[in-house]
Amino acid sequence: MRTIKEELIWLNELESFEEAKEKISEWIGKYNRLYVHSALGYLS
């Protein structure tokens, strides 16, 4: 698993703070759907 910096920030030239907020929000949503979480009993 890579970090948000490796998967999003370093690979994209974000034009504005608003664009960054939108892309980060999308990335977090994707992360929460795809990766299992120990606090949830290893469920996604």
Protein backbone atom coordinates (compact mmCIF):
# COMPACT_ATOMS: atom_id res chain seq x y z
CA MET A 1 0.00 0.00 0.00
CA ARG A 2 1.32 3.40 -0.92
CA THR A 3 0.70 6.67 0.85
CA ILE A 4 -1.53 9.55 -0.27
CA LYS A 5 1.64 11.48 -1.12
CA GLU A 6 2.93 8.68 -3.35
CA GLU A 7 -0.40 7.94 -5.04
CA LEU A 8 -1.83 11.44 -5.39
CA ILE A 9 0.22 14.46 -4.39
CA TRP A 10 3.56 13.63 -6.03
CA LEU A 11 1.93 12.35 -9.24
CA ASN A 12 -0.36 15.31 -9.92
CA GLU A 13 0.11 19.00 -10.43
CA LEU A 14 -2.83 20.38 -8.50
CA GLU A 15 -3.88 23.81 -9.74
CA SER A 16 -5.66 25.11 -6.65
CA PHE A 17 -6.51 24.45 -3.03
CA GLU A 18 -10.07 23.56 -4.07
CA GLU A 19 -8.81 21.00 -6.58
CA ALA A 20 -6.52 19.53 -3.92
CA LYS A 21 -9.43 19.24 -1.46
CA GLU A 22 -11.57 17.49 -4.08
CA LYS A 23 -8.84 15.04 -5.15
CA ILE A 24 -7.89 14.23 -1.54
CA SER A 25 -11.54 13.60 -0.66
CA GLU A 26 -11.88 11.25 -3.65
CA TRP A 27 -8.65 9.44 -2.70
CA ILE A 28 -9.82 8.95 0.90
CA GLY A 29 -13.15 7.54 -0.32
CA LYS A 30 -11.32 5.12 -2.62
CA TYR A 31 -8.92 4.14 0.16
CA ASN A 32 -11.77 3.44 2.58
CA ARG A 33 -13.58 1.25 0.03
CA LEU A 34 -10.56 -0.75 -1.12
CA TYR A 35 -8.38 -1.36 1.92
CA VAL A 36 -9.32 -3.46 4.93
CA HIS A 37 -9.19 -1.90 8.41
CA SER A 38 -8.06 -3.66 11.59
CA ALA A 39 -10.42 -1.53 13.71
CA LEU A 40 -13.33 -2.99 11.70
CA GLY A 41 -12.22 -6.59 12.07
CA TYR A 42 -10.38 -6.43 8.74
CA LEU A 43 -13.45 -5.46 6.76
CA SER A 44 -13.41 -2.78 4.10
